[in-house]
Amino acid sequence: QQNMGILILDSENALDEDYLQAIGVDINVNNFIYRGIKTIPDASSEWSTFTKLFRKHGMTDRYLICIDSLDMLLTASELDKFNKADSGGDQGQHAKQTKKMLATFQQDIKNLPMVALCTKQAYKEQDPIAARSMPFVVTEAVKFAFTQALMLQKLMLKDDDTKKYEGIA
């Protein structure tokens, strides 16, 4: 945690407190905030409320804001359709709304002691020619939203001596 506050916006309902504690996150302090969210508007509302209060109270603490994951956030219309048992598509609104949300977030924290970390699935390029230069598809919604991008890939390596597998599973 490195004396840094943490705001977690969790759309996957997959947060494991034992794991967080194992990697050194003190979840029992005032500067650890967890919010379960469902939709892009939920994420925007929680983010905006947090940064407004941060500014209003003249806070100077460093904060890490995590969104896990962008893929699991629903648009308001997707949630409405789900509640009506309608499985129709969103006409590309998810990508458009995600792009707008991330641009807004980036502008919101550019003068604050905050950094954002978002998880996003990258999919394998299906076109074999295009895959030679870029093996993964990264949507336009997130391509230019971040100053740093890290891609993790499932990779298991077998140690010749111990015969154990190690890597990212």
Protein backbone atom coordinates (compact mmCIF):
# COMPACT_ATOMS: atom_id res chain seq x y z
CA GLN A 1 0.00 0.00 0.00
CA GLN A 2 3.03 2.30 0.44
CA ASN A 3 1.15 4.94 2.48
CA MET A 4 -1.31 5.32 -0.34
CA GLY A 5 -5.08 5.31 -0.09
CA ILE A 6 -7.00 2.90 -2.26
CA LEU A 7 -10.41 3.23 -3.89
CA ILE A 8 -11.56 0.02 -5.53
CA LEU A 9 -14.49 0.04 -7.94
CA ASP A 10 -15.31 -3.65 -8.45
CA SER A 11 -17.62 -4.68 -11.28
CA GLU A 12 -16.68 -8.35 -11.10
CA ASN A 13 -17.56 -9.03 -7.47
CA ALA A 14 -14.27 -10.89 -7.31
CA LEU A 15 -12.33 -9.01 -4.65
CA ASP A 16 -10.68 -11.34 -2.17
CA GLU A 17 -9.71 -9.70 1.12
CA ASP A 18 -7.29 -12.53 1.97
CA TYR A 19 -5.37 -11.90 -1.26
CA LEU A 20 -5.25 -8.15 -0.65
CA GLN A 21 -3.89 -8.68 2.85
CA ALA A 22 -1.34 -11.20 1.54
CA ILE A 23 0.11 -8.58 -0.84
CA GLY A 24 0.33 -6.02 1.96
CA VAL A 25 -2.90 -4.04 1.66
CA ASP A 26 -4.28 -2.96 5.02
CA ILE A 27 -8.02 -3.18 4.44
CA ASN A 28 -8.82 -2.07 7.99
CA VAL A 29 -7.83 1.58 7.60
CA ASN A 30 -9.83 4.67 6.74
CA ASN A 31 -8.07 5.17 3.41
CA PHE A 32 -9.22 1.82 1.97
CA ILE A 33 -12.54 2.22 0.17
CA TYR A 34 -14.36 -0.57 -1.65
CA ARG A 35 -17.42 -0.05 -3.84
CA GLY A 36 -19.24 -2.74 -5.79
CA ILE A 37 -20.53 -1.33 -9.06
CA LYS A 38 -22.57 -2.63 -12.01
CA THR A 39 -22.69 0.07 -14.65
CA ILE A 40 -20.60 2.75 -16.35
CA PRO A 41 -22.81 5.40 -14.68
CA ASP A 42 -22.12 3.72 -11.29
CA ALA A 43 -18.37 3.97 -11.91
CA SER A 44 -18.65 7.61 -12.98
CA SER A 45 -20.78 8.49 -9.97
CA GLU A 46 -18.47 6.81 -7.44
CA TRP A 47 -15.36 8.34 -9.05
CA SER A 48 -16.88 11.81 -9.23
CA THR A 49 -18.17 11.71 -5.65
CA PHE A 50 -14.76 10.61 -4.39
CA THR A 51 -12.75 13.28 -6.24
CA LYS A 52 -15.24 16.04 -5.33
CA LEU A 53 -14.95 15.16 -1.63
CA PHE A 54 -11.16 14.92 -1.99
CA ARG A 55 -11.03 18.48 -3.35
CA LYS A 56 -13.67 19.85 -0.96
CA HIS A 57 -11.75 18.67 2.10
CA GLY A 58 -8.38 19.81 0.73
CA MET A 59 -6.96 16.30 0.94
CA THR A 60 -3.39 15.70 -0.16
CA ASP A 61 -3.06 11.94 0.40
CA ARG A 62 -1.88 9.89 -2.54
CA TYR A 63 -4.56 7.54 -3.89
CA LEU A 64 -4.73 4.57 -6.22
CA ILE A 65 -8.10 4.19 -7.91
CA CYS A 66 -8.72 0.69 -9.29
CA ILE A 67 -11.49 -0.39 -11.63
CA ASP A 68 -11.81 -4.13 -12.04
CA SER A 69 -12.91 -4.52 -14.77
CA LEU A 70 -13.92 -2.25 -17.61
CA ASP A 71 -15.33 -5.24 -19.51
CA MET A 72 -17.83 -6.16 -16.83
CA LEU A 73 -19.35 -2.68 -16.56
CA LEU A 74 -22.77 -2.52 -18.17
CA THR A 75 -24.27 0.46 -19.93
CA ALA A 76 -27.50 1.71 -18.35
CA SER A 77 -29.41 0.36 -21.37
CA GLU A 78 -27.78 -3.08 -21.02
CA LEU A 79 -28.87 -3.24 -17.38
CA ASP A 80 -32.36 -2.10 -18.33
CA LYS A 81 -32.57 -4.77 -21.04
CA PHE A 82 -31.31 -7.40 -18.60
CA ASN A 83 -33.98 -6.43 -16.09
CA LYS A 84 -36.58 -6.89 -18.86
CA ALA A 85 -35.09 -10.28 -19.87
CA ASP A 86 -34.07 -8.78 -23.22
CA SER A 87 -30.74 -10.01 -24.58
CA GLY A 88 -30.42 -7.37 -27.32
CA GLY A 89 -27.11 -5.69 -28.08
CA ASP A 90 -26.02 -2.17 -27.14
CA GLN A 91 -25.22 -0.85 -30.65
CA GLY A 92 -21.57 -0.17 -29.71
CA GLN A 93 -22.51 2.01 -26.75
CA HIS A 94 -20.26 0.14 -24.31
CA ALA A 95 -17.10 1.10 -26.21
CA LYS A 96 -18.24 4.69 -26.74
CA GLN A 97 -19.28 5.20 -23.12
CA THR A 98 -16.12 3.54 -21.78
CA LYS A 99 -13.95 5.81 -23.93
CA LYS A 100 -15.80 8.92 -22.73
CA MET A 101 -15.66 7.77 -19.09
CA LEU A 102 -11.90 7.16 -19.22
CA ALA A 103 -11.21 10.51 -20.89
CA THR A 104 -13.23 12.23 -18.17
CA PHE A 105 -11.43 10.31 -15.41
CA GLN A 106 -8.02 11.18 -16.86
CA GLN A 107 -8.86 14.88 -16.93
CA ASP A 108 -10.39 14.75 -13.45
CA ILE A 109 -7.23 13.49 -11.71
CA LYS A 110 -4.48 15.12 -13.77
CA ASN A 111 -3.77 17.68 -11.02
CA LEU A 112 -4.44 15.37 -8.08
CA PRO A 113 -2.04 12.96 -6.34
CA MET A 114 -3.89 10.02 -7.83
CA VAL A 115 -3.25 7.27 -10.29
CA ALA A 116 -5.76 4.97 -11.96
CA LEU A 117 -5.40 1.26 -12.61
CA CYS A 118 -8.03 -0.44 -14.76
CA THR A 119 -8.24 -4.02 -15.92
CA LYS A 120 -9.41 -4.81 -19.46
CA GLN A 121 -9.46 -8.00 -21.46
CA ALA A 122 -7.37 -8.03 -24.62
CA TYR A 123 -8.51 -10.49 -27.24
CA LYS A 124 -6.39 -12.41 -29.74
CA GLU A 125 -6.36 -10.94 -33.23
CA GLN A 126 -8.28 -13.31 -35.54
CA ASP A 127 -6.72 -11.99 -38.75
CA PRO A 128 -3.44 -13.92 -39.20
CA ILE A 129 -1.83 -11.11 -41.22
CA ALA A 130 -2.69 -8.40 -38.68
CA ALA A 131 -1.64 -10.71 -35.84
CA ARG A 132 1.97 -10.64 -37.07
CA SER A 133 2.37 -7.01 -36.03
CA MET A 134 -0.21 -6.87 -33.20
CA PRO A 135 -1.23 -10.24 -31.74
CA PHE A 136 -3.92 -8.73 -29.49
CA VAL A 137 -6.91 -6.53 -30.18
CA VAL A 138 -6.99 -3.49 -27.93
CA THR A 139 -10.13 -1.46 -28.50
CA GLU A 140 -10.04 2.21 -29.39
CA ALA A 141 -11.97 2.87 -26.17
CA VAL A 142 -8.85 2.22 -24.10
CA LYS A 143 -5.96 2.46 -26.56
CA PHE A 144 -5.07 6.08 -25.81
CA ALA A 145 -6.63 6.52 -22.37
CA PHE A 146 -3.59 5.50 -20.34
CA THR A 147 0.00 6.60 -20.04
CA GLN A 148 1.13 3.08 -19.20
CA ALA A 149 -0.20 -0.24 -20.44
CA LEU A 150 0.78 -3.67 -19.17
CA MET A 151 -0.35 -6.85 -20.84
CA LEU A 152 -0.32 -10.11 -18.95
CA GLN A 153 -0.78 -13.35 -20.79
CA LYS A 154 -1.53 -16.78 -19.46
CA LEU A 155 1.85 -18.52 -19.50
CA MET A 156 3.01 -21.62 -17.69
CA LEU A 157 6.64 -22.72 -17.82
CA LYS A 158 7.91 -26.08 -16.61
CA ASP A 159 11.15 -26.00 -14.63
CA ASP A 160 13.40 -28.77 -16.02
CA ASP A 161 14.96 -29.50 -12.62
CA THR A 162 11.96 -29.39 -10.28
CA LYS A 163 9.34 -30.40 -12.88
CA LYS A 164 7.05 -27.75 -11.36
CA TYR A 165 5.04 -25.30 -13.40
CA GLU A 166 5.41 -21.61 -12.71
CA GLY A 167 3.97 -18.52 -14.32
CA ILE A 168 0.71 -16.69 -14.74
CA ALA A 169 -2.25 -19.05 -14.74
